[in-house]
């Protein structure tokens, strides 16, 4: 038996309140399944009791578990290449409009980084500028609300799906080490430039602290999943 539409809607509102993510109608059956599974895991009598529990002050970890189950972590390496091209173009002009000049350490934020592919792609693109911009120093910070996704990102181990838009095998071989099980691991040279943290973009104070330390922000791939109100909130933080 599926979870009732009322429970699905209450769960949808809670997820949007917590994360800003606007779940679509197609997402609600999976949300209902997650709610039922978590209620059972915690020994709750019913899904309503579970949602009441999540609305309380003591349920931080359990709210995080639900978020991990329902947020969209769809991503892959070198997604939206035009975004990387814009950043590189600005850097090659010595940072006109990018808040960066030669001799500074460039800091870039990948917001809503999911499992880390965008952050690592950024690092690889910037490492590729070494000949044009010798001495370029940079660091990439990837942040995401999902602790599970952040843990995957820190490992930097990916299967074929993450490489599905890369046609140049030499590029893969240059930056990713094969592991013998069909996966590849990001090279240490790339990892040295990348760090990951768990961060809710609706936490205004925490976001402002991070934004104040970076020169460029990549966040288009998270904005597309947020409600209109959450987009305005995040963009004005």
Protein backbone atom coordinates (compact mmCIF):
# COMPACT_ATOMS: atom_id res chain seq x y z
CA UNK A 1 0.00 0.00 0.00
CA UNK A 2 1.37 3.40 -0.97
CA UNK A 3 1.64 6.30 1.43
CA UNK A 4 -1.40 8.58 1.34
CA UNK A 5 -1.37 11.80 -0.71
CA UNK A 6 -1.75 13.73 2.54
CA UNK A 7 1.44 12.23 3.97
CA UNK A 8 3.27 12.82 0.68
CA UNK A 9 2.23 16.47 0.65
CA UNK A 10 3.17 17.00 4.27
CA UNK A 11 6.56 15.42 3.58
CA UNK A 12 7.00 17.55 0.46
CA UNK A 13 6.37 20.74 2.45
CA UNK A 14 8.81 19.65 5.14
CA UNK A 15 11.57 18.90 2.62
CA UNK A 16 11.03 22.27 0.94
CA UNK A 17 11.12 24.03 4.31
CA UNK A 18 14.36 22.29 5.26
CA UNK A 19 16.21 22.49 1.96
CA UNK A 20 14.42 24.81 -0.44
CA UNK A 21 14.13 21.91 -2.90
CA UNK A 22 10.79 21.87 -4.72
CA UNK A 23 9.91 18.20 -5.19
CA UNK A 24 7.79 17.51 -8.26
CA UNK A 25 4.75 15.24 -8.49
CA UNK A 26 6.93 12.50 -9.98
CA UNK A 27 9.13 12.62 -6.87
CA UNK A 28 6.33 12.07 -4.35
CA UNK A 29 6.03 8.27 -4.56
CA UNK A 30 9.76 7.96 -3.77
CA UNK A 31 9.34 10.48 -0.95
CA UNK A 32 6.48 8.42 0.44
CA UNK A 33 8.61 5.28 0.30
CA UNK A 34 11.41 7.07 2.14
CA UNK A 35 9.02 8.37 4.82
CA UNK A 36 7.58 4.89 5.36
CA UNK A 37 11.03 3.29 5.50
CA UNK A 38 12.38 5.83 7.98
CA UNK A 39 9.27 5.57 10.18
CA UNK A 40 9.79 1.81 10.31
CA UNK A 41 13.52 2.15 11.00
CA UNK A 42 12.82 4.41 13.97
CA UNK A 43 10.05 2.19 15.32
CA UNK A 44 7.32 4.77 14.77
CA UNK A 45 3.69 3.64 14.78
CA UNK A 46 2.87 5.44 11.55
CA UNK A 47 4.13 7.96 9.01
CA UNK A 48 2.28 10.81 10.75
CA UNK A 49 4.16 10.17 13.98
CA UNK A 50 7.41 10.20 12.03
CA UNK A 51 6.67 13.56 10.41
CA UNK A 52 5.65 15.05 13.76
CA UNK A 53 8.98 13.78 15.12
CA UNK A 54 10.90 15.47 12.27
CA UNK A 55 9.20 18.77 13.02
CA UNK A 56 10.61 18.73 16.56
CA UNK A 57 13.85 20.29 17.76
CA UNK A 58 15.54 16.98 18.64
CA UNK A 59 15.38 15.37 15.19
CA UNK A 60 18.36 16.96 13.44
CA UNK A 61 20.04 13.67 12.51
CA UNK A 62 16.78 12.06 11.38
CA UNK A 63 15.94 15.07 9.20
CA UNK A 64 19.37 14.71 7.60
CA UNK A 65 18.67 11.04 6.89
CA UNK A 66 15.44 11.90 5.06
CA UNK A 67 17.16 14.66 3.09
CA UNK A 68 19.87 12.20 2.02
CA UNK A 69 17.18 9.88 0.69
CA UNK A 70 15.17 12.38 -1.31
CA UNK A 71 17.42 15.16 -2.65
CA UNK A 72 18.55 14.88 -6.25
CA UNK A 73 22.28 14.16 -6.59
CA UNK A 74 22.24 13.91 -10.39
CA UNK A 75 25.57 15.10 -11.77
CA UNK A 76 28.50 14.02 -13.92
CA UNK A 77 31.97 15.19 -14.81
CA UNK A 78 32.33 18.30 -16.99
CA UNK A 79 28.59 19.06 -16.92
CA UNK A 80 27.77 22.51 -18.37
CA UNK A 81 31.17 23.09 -20.03
CA UNK A 82 30.18 26.63 -21.00
CA UNK A 83 30.38 27.61 -17.33
CA UNK A 84 34.00 26.50 -17.12
CA UNK A 85 34.74 28.36 -20.35
CA UNK A 86 33.45 31.64 -18.87
CA UNK A 87 35.66 31.31 -15.79
CA UNK A 88 38.74 30.47 -17.84
CA UNK A 89 38.09 33.37 -20.18
CA UNK A 90 37.94 35.77 -17.23
CA UNK A 91 41.15 34.38 -15.77
CA UNK A 92 42.97 34.64 -19.06
CA UNK A 93 42.06 38.32 -19.03
CA UNK A 94 43.73 38.47 -15.61
CA UNK A 95 40.44 38.29 -13.77
CA UNK A 96 38.62 41.29 -15.14
CA UNK A 97 35.29 41.18 -13.33
CA UNK A 98 36.22 37.97 -11.52
CA UNK A 99 37.75 39.50 -8.41
CA UNK A 100 41.11 37.89 -9.09
CA UNK A 101 44.51 39.18 -10.13
CA UNK A 102 47.78 37.44 -10.84
CA UNK A 103 49.56 36.42 -7.65
CA UNK A 104 46.38 35.85 -5.64
CA UNK A 105 45.00 32.44 -4.71
CA UNK A 106 41.76 31.95 -6.59
CA UNK A 107 38.93 30.49 -4.51
CA UNK A 108 35.88 28.97 -6.19
CA UNK A 109 32.70 27.65 -4.58
CA UNK A 110 30.74 24.75 -6.06
CA UNK A 111 27.37 25.09 -4.27
CA UNK A 112 25.09 22.07 -4.29
CA UNK A 113 28.08 20.02 -5.39
CA UNK A 114 26.30 16.67 -4.86
CA UNK A 115 28.87 13.87 -5.20
CA UNK A 116 31.66 16.23 -6.21
CA UNK A 117 32.00 15.90 -9.97
CA UNK A 118 31.62 19.63 -10.64
CA UNK A 119 34.25 20.58 -8.06
CA UNK A 120 36.78 18.12 -9.46
CA UNK A 121 35.98 19.21 -13.02
CA UNK A 122 36.70 22.80 -12.02
CA UNK A 123 40.06 21.80 -10.57
CA UNK A 124 41.00 19.89 -13.72
CA UNK A 125 40.01 22.83 -15.93
CA UNK A 126 42.13 25.22 -13.85
CA UNK A 127 45.10 22.85 -13.79
CA UNK A 128 44.88 22.91 -17.57
CA UNK A 129 45.69 26.64 -17.51
CA UNK A 130 49.19 26.10 -16.12
CA UNK A 131 50.95 26.94 -19.38
CA UNK A 132 48.89 30.10 -19.93
CA UNK A 133 48.88 31.20 -16.29
CA UNK A 134 52.05 29.83 -14.69
CA UNK A 135 51.93 29.98 -10.93
CA UNK A 136 48.13 30.05 -10.75
CA UNK A 137 47.15 29.00 -7.23
CA UNK A 138 43.57 27.98 -6.52
CA UNK A 139 41.29 26.00 -4.27
CA UNK A 140 37.80 24.67 -4.83
CA UNK A 141 35.26 24.24 -2.05
CA UNK A 142 32.30 21.98 -2.73
CA UNK A 143 29.30 22.21 -0.40
CA UNK A 144 26.11 20.19 -0.26
CA UNK A 145 23.27 19.59 2.16
CA UNK A 146 23.60 15.81 1.86
CA UNK A 147 26.19 14.31 4.19
CA UNK A 148 26.08 11.08 2.20
CA UNK A 149 26.87 12.94 -1.03
CA UNK A 150 29.72 14.85 0.62
CA UNK A 151 31.27 11.59 1.81
CA UNK A 152 31.16 10.21 -1.75
CA UNK A 153 32.72 13.45 -3.01
CA UNK A 154 35.58 13.21 -0.53
CA UNK A 155 36.39 9.69 -1.72
CA UNK A 156 36.45 10.84 -5.34
CA UNK A 157 35.73 7.39 -6.77
CA UNK A 158 33.38 7.27 -9.76
CA UNK A 159 31.79 4.71 -12.04
CA UNK A 160 31.11 4.90 -15.79
CA UNK A 161 27.98 7.05 -15.38
CA UNK A 162 30.04 9.97 -14.12
CA UNK A 163 32.22 9.82 -17.25
CA UNK A 164 29.35 9.59 -19.75
CA UNK A 165 29.95 12.98 -21.38
CA UNK A 166 33.72 12.63 -21.81
CA UNK A 167 34.74 11.53 -25.29
CA UNK A 168 38.50 11.99 -24.84
CA UNK A 169 39.92 8.86 -23.17
CA UNK A 170 43.31 10.53 -22.78
CA UNK A 171 41.70 13.15 -20.56
CA UNK A 172 40.28 10.44 -18.34
CA UNK A 173 43.62 8.66 -18.14
CA UNK A 174 45.41 11.90 -17.26
CA UNK A 175 43.32 12.75 -14.21
CA UNK A 176 41.68 9.55 -12.95
CA UNK A 177 43.36 6.38 -11.72
CA UNK A 178 41.74 3.03 -12.61
CA UNK A 179 40.91 0.84 -9.61
CA UNK A 180 40.40 -2.50 -11.36
CA UNK A 181 36.68 -2.76 -10.53
CA UNK A 182 35.31 -0.54 -13.30
CA UNK A 183 35.67 2.64 -11.23
CA UNK A 184 38.28 5.37 -11.30
CA UNK A 185 39.63 7.60 -8.54
CA UNK A 186 40.46 11.28 -8.91
CA UNK A 187 44.22 11.77 -8.91
CA UNK A 188 45.86 13.20 -5.80
CA UNK A 189 47.08 16.16 -7.83
CA UNK A 190 43.45 17.16 -8.38
CA UNK A 191 42.30 16.28 -4.86
CA UNK A 192 44.97 18.55 -3.40
CA UNK A 193 43.01 21.55 -4.70
CA UNK A 194 39.53 20.47 -3.56
CA UNK A 195 37.72 20.27 -0.21
CA UNK A 196 34.14 19.42 0.70
CA UNK A 197 31.82 20.46 3.50
CA UNK A 198 28.19 19.87 4.43
CA UNK A 199 26.21 23.12 4.14
CA UNK A 200 22.54 24.01 3.87
CA UNK A 201 22.12 26.94 1.47
CA UNK A 202 19.19 28.11 3.59
CA UNK A 203 21.55 28.73 6.51
CA UNK A 204 22.12 32.38 5.68
CA UNK A 205 24.85 33.09 8.22
CA UNK A 206 26.91 30.05 7.22
CA UNK A 207 26.48 30.79 3.52
CA UNK A 208 27.52 34.43 3.94
CA UNK A 209 30.67 33.33 5.76
CA UNK A 210 31.63 31.05 2.88
CA UNK A 211 30.67 33.47 0.11
CA UNK A 212 32.79 36.16 1.70
CA UNK A 213 35.91 34.04 1.11
CA UNK A 214 35.46 33.11 -2.56
CA UNK A 215 35.98 34.82 -5.91
CA UNK A 216 33.53 32.83 -8.03
CA UNK A 217 30.46 30.71 -7.33
CA UNK A 218 29.04 27.87 -9.41
CA UNK A 219 25.47 27.15 -8.35
CA UNK A 220 23.28 26.87 -11.43
CA UNK A 221 22.99 23.09 -10.95
CA UNK A 222 21.39 23.53 -7.55
CA UNK A 223 19.18 26.53 -8.37
CA UNK A 224 17.22 24.50 -10.91
CA UNK A 225 15.89 22.28 -8.12
CA UNK A 226 14.86 25.03 -5.69
CA UNK A 227 11.46 26.65 -5.26
CA UNK A 228 11.05 30.21 -6.51
CA UNK A 229 11.12 31.54 -2.96
CA UNK A 230 14.25 29.57 -2.09
CA UNK A 231 16.03 30.79 -5.25
CA UNK A 232 15.38 34.41 -4.26
CA UNK A 233 16.52 33.72 -0.71
CA UNK A 234 19.75 32.05 -1.80
CA UNK A 235 20.58 34.68 -4.42
CA UNK A 236 20.09 37.50 -1.91
CA UNK A 237 22.06 35.88 0.91
